[in-house]
Amino acid sequence: MIQIRPGDLIAVKFKSNYYYALILDKIRLFGGNWVYVFHLKSSEILSAETILTEVRPGFHAFVDFIH
């Protein structure tokens, strides 16, 4: 189990694509984190610099990162 903290950038792989979320707050509602999920996917993992150096559209959500 990994510890996720505010400020962490998470990459989740699903069906050969990576999806990205930025952790905004500590664990709250039902064990989930308040995150900003980017409308971005890639076939190879991107660096934090590539993702965070420009404004990218996305949405906020409570997410429980359970595998």
PDB file of N, CA and C in Angstrom:
ATOM      1  N   MET A   1       0.837  -1.178   0.000  1.00  0.00           N
ATOM      2  CA  MET A   1       0.000   0.000   0.000  1.00  0.00           C
ATOM      3  C   MET A   1       0.887   1.248   0.000  1.00  0.00           C
ATOM      4  N   ILE A   2       0.575   2.179  -0.863  1.00  0.00           N
ATOM      5  CA  ILE A   2       1.334   3.425  -0.894  1.00  0.00           C
ATOM      6  C   ILE A   2       0.546   4.525  -0.197  1.00  0.00           C
ATOM      7  N   GLN A   3       1.257   5.480   0.343  1.00  0.00           N
ATOM      8  CA  GLN A   3       0.618   6.628   0.970  1.00  0.00           C
ATOM      9  C   GLN A   3       0.525   7.740  -0.059  1.00  0.00           C
ATOM     10  N   ILE A   4      -0.683   8.221  -0.279  1.00  0.00           N
ATOM     11  CA  ILE A   4      -0.918   9.315  -1.206  1.00  0.00           C
ATOM     12  C   ILE A   4      -1.088  10.588  -0.394  1.00  0.00           C
ATOM     13  N   ARG A   5      -0.371  11.625  -0.796  1.00  0.00           N
ATOM     14  CA  ARG A   5      -0.398  12.892  -0.060  1.00  0.00           C
ATOM     15  C   ARG A   5      -0.783  14.039  -0.985  1.00  0.00           C
ATOM     16  N   PRO A   6      -1.317  15.134  -0.429  1.00  0.00           N
ATOM     17  CA  PRO A   6      -1.614  16.307  -1.252  1.00  0.00           C
ATOM     18  C   PRO A   6      -0.366  16.759  -2.025  1.00  0.00           C
ATOM     19  N   GLY A   7      -0.555  17.051  -3.298  1.00  0.00           N
ATOM     20  CA  GLY A   7       0.554  17.452  -4.153  1.00  0.00           C
ATOM     21  C   GLY A   7       1.094  16.322  -5.012  1.00  0.00           C
ATOM     22  N   ASP A   8       0.734  15.079  -4.696  1.00  0.00           N
ATOM     23  CA  ASP A   8       1.191  13.941  -5.502  1.00  0.00           C
ATOM     24  C   ASP A   8       0.469  13.921  -6.847  1.00  0.00           C
ATOM     25  N   LEU A   9       1.189  13.580  -7.885  1.00  0.00           N
ATOM     26  CA  LEU A   9       0.610  13.380  -9.207  1.00  0.00           C
ATOM     27  C   LEU A   9       0.547  11.877  -9.433  1.00  0.00           C
ATOM     28  N   ILE A  10      -0.639  11.370  -9.696  1.00  0.00           N
ATOM     29  CA  ILE A  10      -0.862   9.933  -9.829  1.00  0.00           C
ATOM     30  C   ILE A  10      -1.117   9.591 -11.293  1.00  0.00           C
ATOM     31  N   ALA A  11      -0.482   8.533 -11.776  1.00  0.00           N
ATOM     32  CA  ALA A  11      -0.757   7.991 -13.108  1.00  0.00           C
ATOM     33  C   ALA A  11      -1.374   6.613 -12.916  1.00  0.00           C
ATOM     34  N   VAL A  12      -2.520   6.394 -13.514  1.00  0.00           N
ATOM     35  CA  VAL A  12      -3.219   5.114 -13.417  1.00  0.00           C
ATOM     36  C   VAL A  12      -3.252   4.488 -14.806  1.00  0.00           C
ATOM     37  N   LYS A  13      -2.798   3.241 -14.902  1.00  0.00           N
ATOM     38  CA  LYS A  13      -2.806   2.555 -16.198  1.00  0.00           C
ATOM     39  C   LYS A  13      -4.065   1.699 -16.301  1.00  0.00           C
ATOM     40  N   PHE A  14      -4.766   1.857 -17.430  1.00  0.00           N
ATOM     41  CA  PHE A  14      -5.975   1.071 -17.702  1.00  0.00           C
ATOM     42  C   PHE A  14      -6.035   0.802 -19.198  1.00  0.00           C
ATOM     43  N   LYS A  15      -6.027  -0.467 -19.551  1.00  0.00           N
ATOM     44  CA  LYS A  15      -6.111  -0.902 -20.954  1.00  0.00           C
ATOM     45  C   LYS A  15      -5.116  -0.169 -21.854  1.00  0.00           C
ATOM     46  N   SER A  16      -3.863  -0.242 -21.518  1.00  0.00           N
ATOM     47  CA  SER A  16      -2.744   0.304 -22.308  1.00  0.00           C
ATOM     48  C   SER A  16      -2.668   1.829 -22.353  1.00  0.00           C
ATOM     49  N   ASN A  17      -3.467   2.525 -21.564  1.00  0.00           N
ATOM     50  CA  ASN A  17      -3.399   3.985 -21.495  1.00  0.00           C
ATOM     51  C   ASN A  17      -3.181   4.439 -20.064  1.00  0.00           C
ATOM     52  N   TYR A  18      -2.524   5.584 -19.919  1.00  0.00           N
ATOM     53  CA  TYR A  18      -2.325   6.207 -18.615  1.00  0.00           C
ATOM     54  C   TYR A  18      -3.267   7.395 -18.468  1.00  0.00           C
ATOM     55  N   TYR A  19      -3.842   7.538 -17.282  1.00  0.00           N
ATOM     56  CA  TYR A  19      -4.718   8.648 -16.933  1.00  0.00           C
ATOM     57  C   TYR A  19      -4.118   9.311 -15.693  1.00  0.00           C
ATOM     58  N   TYR A  20      -4.302  10.628 -15.553  1.00  0.00           N
ATOM     59  CA  TYR A  20      -3.562  11.382 -14.541  1.00  0.00           C
ATOM     60  C   TYR A  20      -4.483  12.154 -13.598  1.00  0.00           C
ATOM     61  N   ALA A  21      -4.083  12.198 -12.320  1.00  0.00           N
ATOM     62  CA  ALA A  21      -4.831  12.938 -11.302  1.00  0.00           C
ATOM     63  C   ALA A  21      -3.844  13.594 -10.344  1.00  0.00           C
ATOM     64  N   LEU A  22      -4.172  14.788  -9.907  1.00  0.00           N
ATOM     65  CA  LEU A  22      -3.378  15.526  -8.934  1.00  0.00           C
ATOM     66  C   LEU A  22      -4.114  15.511  -7.602  1.00  0.00           C
ATOM     67  N   ILE A  23      -3.466  15.014  -6.553  1.00  0.00           N
ATOM     68  CA  ILE A  23      -4.079  14.923  -5.228  1.00  0.00           C
ATOM     69  C   ILE A  23      -4.107  16.317  -4.609  1.00  0.00           C
ATOM     70  N   LEU A  24      -5.296  16.774  -4.207  1.00  0.00           N
ATOM     71  CA  LEU A  24      -5.456  18.128  -3.690  1.00  0.00           C
ATOM     72  C   LEU A  24      -5.618  18.195  -2.174  1.00  0.00           C
ATOM     73  N   ASP A  25      -6.101  17.129  -1.554  1.00  0.00           N
ATOM     74  CA  ASP A  25      -6.404  17.171  -0.132  1.00  0.00           C
ATOM     75  C   ASP A  25      -6.176  15.792   0.491  1.00  0.00           C
ATOM     76  N   LYS A  26      -6.095  15.767   1.815  1.00  0.00           N
ATOM     77  CA  LYS A  26      -5.909  14.490   2.508  1.00  0.00           C
ATOM     78  C   LYS A  26      -7.174  13.640   2.385  1.00  0.00           C
ATOM     79  N   ILE A  27      -7.078  12.400   2.790  1.00  0.00           N
ATOM     80  CA  ILE A  27      -8.211  11.471   2.731  1.00  0.00           C
ATOM     81  C   ILE A  27      -9.384  12.024   3.519  1.00  0.00           C
ATOM     82  N   ARG A  28     -10.566  11.962   2.900  1.00  0.00           N
ATOM     83  CA  ARG A  28     -11.782  12.477   3.541  1.00  0.00           C
ATOM     84  C   ARG A  28     -12.947  11.524   3.331  1.00  0.00           C
ATOM     85  N   LEU A  29     -13.872  11.935   2.543  1.00  0.00           N
ATOM     86  CA  LEU A  29     -15.146  11.258   2.336  1.00  0.00           C
ATOM     87  C   LEU A  29     -14.965   9.790   1.936  1.00  0.00           C
ATOM     88  N   PHE A  30     -15.391   8.879   2.786  1.00  0.00           N
ATOM     89  CA  PHE A  30     -15.348   7.437   2.528  1.00  0.00           C
ATOM     90  C   PHE A  30     -13.959   6.928   2.146  1.00  0.00           C
ATOM     91  N   GLY A  31     -12.923   7.559   2.655  1.00  0.00           N
ATOM     92  CA  GLY A  31     -11.561   7.107   2.389  1.00  0.00           C
ATOM     93  C   GLY A  31     -10.975   7.614   1.085  1.00  0.00           C
ATOM     94  N   GLY A  32     -11.681   8.510   0.415  1.00  0.00           N
ATOM     95  CA  GLY A  32     -11.194   9.026  -0.858  1.00  0.00           C
ATOM     96  C   GLY A  32     -10.472  10.353  -0.709  1.00  0.00           C
ATOM     97  N   ASN A  33      -9.781  10.722  -1.755  1.00  0.00           N
ATOM     98  CA  ASN A  33      -9.074  12.000  -1.820  1.00  0.00           C
ATOM     99  C   ASN A  33      -9.812  12.947  -2.762  1.00  0.00           C
ATOM    100  N   TRP A  34      -9.759  14.239  -2.458  1.00  0.00           N
ATOM    101  CA  TRP A  34     -10.250  15.260  -3.382  1.00  0.00           C
ATOM    102  C   TRP A  34      -9.138  15.456  -4.406  1.00  0.00           C
ATOM    103  N   VAL A  35      -9.443  15.217  -5.679  1.00  0.00           N
ATOM    104  CA  VAL A  35      -8.423  15.252  -6.719  1.00  0.00           C
ATOM    105  C   VAL A  35      -8.879  16.084  -7.911  1.00  0.00           C
ATOM    106  N   TYR A  36      -7.911  16.502  -8.705  1.00  0.00           N
ATOM    107  CA  TYR A  36      -8.171  17.095 -10.007  1.00  0.00           C
ATOM    108  C   TYR A  36      -7.753  16.050 -11.026  1.00  0.00           C
ATOM    109  N   VAL A  37      -8.713  15.568 -11.808  1.00  0.00           N
ATOM    110  CA  VAL A  37      -8.450  14.547 -12.818  1.00  0.00           C
ATOM    111  C   VAL A  37      -8.325  15.247 -14.170  1.00  0.00           C
ATOM    112  N   PHE A  38      -7.210  15.023 -14.841  1.00  0.00           N
ATOM    113  CA  PHE A  38      -6.952  15.671 -16.122  1.00  0.00           C
ATOM    114  C   PHE A  38      -7.672  14.947 -17.252  1.00  0.00           C
ATOM    115  N   HIS A  39      -8.214  15.711 -18.208  1.00  0.00           N
ATOM    116  CA  HIS A  39      -8.741  15.140 -19.450  1.00  0.00           C
ATOM    117  C   HIS A  39      -7.538  14.867 -20.339  1.00  0.00           C
ATOM    118  N   LEU A  40      -6.774  13.871 -19.976  1.00  0.00           N
ATOM    119  CA  LEU A  40      -5.522  13.570 -20.661  1.00  0.00           C
ATOM    120  C   LEU A  40      -5.260  12.080 -20.543  1.00  0.00           C
ATOM    121  N   LYS A  41      -4.914  11.471 -21.648  1.00  0.00           N
ATOM    122  CA  LYS A  41      -4.464  10.080 -21.615  1.00  0.00           C
ATOM    123  C   LYS A  41      -3.288   9.944 -22.552  1.00  0.00           C
ATOM    124  N   SER A  42      -2.455   8.961 -22.272  1.00  0.00           N
ATOM    125  CA  SER A  42      -1.275   8.727 -23.089  1.00  0.00           C
ATOM    126  C   SER A  42      -0.950   7.243 -23.101  1.00  0.00           C
ATOM    127  N   SER A  43      -0.288   6.806 -24.149  1.00  0.00           N
ATOM    128  CA  SER A  43       0.082   5.389 -24.241  1.00  0.00           C
ATOM    129  C   SER A  43       1.356   5.097 -23.454  1.00  0.00           C
ATOM    130  N   GLU A  44       2.159   6.144 -23.197  1.00  0.00           N
ATOM    131  CA  GLU A  44       3.353   6.019 -22.359  1.00  0.00           C
ATOM    132  C   GLU A  44       3.243   7.022 -21.226  1.00  0.00           C
ATOM    133  N   ILE A  45       3.840   6.703 -20.097  1.00  0.00           N
ATOM    134  CA  ILE A  45       3.746   7.591 -18.935  1.00  0.00           C
ATOM    135  C   ILE A  45       4.468   8.913 -19.225  1.00  0.00           C
ATOM    136  N   LEU A  46       3.814  10.014 -18.840  1.00  0.00           N
ATOM    137  CA  LEU A  46       4.368  11.348 -19.047  1.00  0.00           C
ATOM    138  C   LEU A  46       5.007  11.851 -17.758  1.00  0.00           C
ATOM    139  N   SER A  47       5.960  12.756 -17.895  1.00  0.00           N
ATOM    140  CA  SER A  47       6.599  13.332 -16.711  1.00  0.00           C
ATOM    141  C   SER A  47       5.670  14.374 -16.078  1.00  0.00           C
ATOM    142  N   ALA A  48       5.894  14.648 -14.809  1.00  0.00           N
ATOM    143  CA  ALA A  48       5.117  15.670 -14.106  1.00  0.00           C
ATOM    144  C   ALA A  48       5.293  17.018 -14.792  1.00  0.00           C
ATOM    145  N   GLU A  49       6.493  17.311 -15.242  1.00  0.00           N
ATOM    146  CA  GLU A  49       6.763  18.589 -15.922  1.00  0.00           C
ATOM    147  C   GLU A  49       5.901  18.733 -17.170  1.00  0.00           C
ATOM    148  N   THR A  50       5.771  17.678 -17.936  1.00  0.00           N
ATOM    149  CA  THR A  50       4.955  17.708 -19.154  1.00  0.00           C
ATOM    150  C   THR A  50       3.493  17.968 -18.825  1.00  0.00           C
ATOM    151  N   ILE A  51       3.005  17.373 -17.768  1.00  0.00           N
ATOM    152  CA  ILE A  51       1.594  17.499 -17.408  1.00  0.00           C
ATOM    153  C   ILE A  51       1.285  18.838 -16.754  1.00  0.00           C
ATOM    154  N   LEU A  52       2.169  19.310 -15.881  1.00  0.00           N
ATOM    155  CA  LEU A  52       1.851  20.455 -15.033  1.00  0.00           C
ATOM    156  C   LEU A  52       2.332  21.807 -15.538  1.00  0.00           C
ATOM    157  N   THR A  53       3.052  21.877 -16.648  1.00  0.00           N
ATOM    158  CA  THR A  53       3.583  23.173 -17.091  1.00  0.00           C
ATOM    159  C   THR A  53       2.610  23.972 -17.949  1.00  0.00           C
ATOM    160  N   GLU A  54       1.477  23.403 -18.300  1.00  0.00           N
ATOM    161  CA  GLU A  54       0.461  24.156 -19.022  1.00  0.00           C
ATOM    162  C   GLU A  54      -0.917  23.887 -18.417  1.00  0.00           C
ATOM    163  N   VAL A  55      -1.841  24.797 -18.672  1.00  0.00           N
ATOM    164  CA  VAL A  55      -3.206  24.632 -18.156  1.00  0.00           C
ATOM    165  C   VAL A  55      -3.873  23.513 -18.940  1.00  0.00           C
ATOM    166  N   ARG A  56      -4.414  22.544 -18.215  1.00  0.00           N
ATOM    167  CA  ARG A  56      -5.079  21.408 -18.860  1.00  0.00           C
ATOM    168  C   ARG A  56      -6.499  21.270 -18.321  1.00  0.00           C
ATOM    169  N   PRO A  57      -7.456  21.014 -19.192  1.00  0.00           N
ATOM    170  CA  PRO A  57      -8.829  20.829 -18.716  1.00  0.00           C
ATOM    171  C   PRO A  57      -8.948  19.536 -17.921  1.00  0.00           C
ATOM    172  N   GLY A  58      -9.958  19.513 -17.056  1.00  0.00           N
ATOM    173  CA  GLY A  58     -10.208  18.340 -16.236  1.00  0.00           C
ATOM    174  C   GLY A  58     -11.396  18.581 -15.333  1.00  0.00           C
ATOM    175  N   PHE A  59     -11.483  17.814 -14.258  1.00  0.00           N
ATOM    176  CA  PHE A  59     -12.607  17.943 -13.330  1.00  0.00           C
ATOM    177  C   PHE A  59     -12.162  17.545 -11.935  1.00  0.00           C
ATOM    178  N   HIS A  60     -12.926  17.973 -10.940  1.00  0.00           N
ATOM    179  CA  HIS A  60     -12.669  17.621  -9.538  1.00  0.00           C
ATOM    180  C   HIS A  60     -13.570  16.446  -9.150  1.00  0.00           C
ATOM    181  N   ALA A  61     -13.046  15.563  -8.307  1.00  0.00           N
ATOM    182  CA  ALA A  61     -13.826  14.420  -7.828  1.00  0.00           C
ATOM    183  C   ALA A  61     -13.200  13.847  -6.567  1.00  0.00           C
ATOM    184  N   PHE A  62     -14.042  13.173  -5.758  1.00  0.00           N
ATOM    185  CA  PHE A  62     -13.506  12.354  -4.676  1.00  0.00           C
ATOM    186  C   PHE A  62     -13.177  11.008  -5.277  1.00  0.00           C
ATOM    187  N   VAL A  63     -11.942  10.552  -5.101  1.00  0.00           N
ATOM    188  CA  VAL A  63     -11.504   9.283  -5.691  1.00  0.00           C
ATOM    189  C   VAL A  63     -10.835   8.454  -4.609  1.00  0.00           C
ATOM    190  N   ASP A  64     -11.226   7.189  -4.528  1.00  0.00           N
ATOM    191  CA  ASP A  64     -10.587   6.238  -3.640  1.00  0.00           C
ATOM    192  C   ASP A  64      -9.716   5.341  -4.500  1.00  0.00           C
ATOM    193  N   PHE A  65      -8.422   5.477  -4.395  1.00  0.00           N
ATOM    194  CA  PHE A  65      -7.489   4.724  -5.230  1.00  0.00           C
ATOM    195  C   PHE A  65      -7.272   3.325  -4.641  1.00  0.00           C
ATOM    196  N   ILE A  66      -8.187   2.432  -4.967  1.00  0.00           N
ATOM    197  CA  ILE A  66      -8.117   1.036  -4.506  1.00  0.00           C
ATOM    198  C   ILE A  66      -7.831   0.161  -5.709  1.00  0.00           C
ATOM    199  N   HIS A  67      -6.926  -0.768  -5.538  1.00  0.00           N
ATOM    200  CA  HIS A  67      -6.619  -1.707  -6.624  1.00  0.00           C
ATOM    201  C   HIS A  67      -7.328  -3.002  -6.377  1.00  0.00           C
TER     202      HIS A  67
END
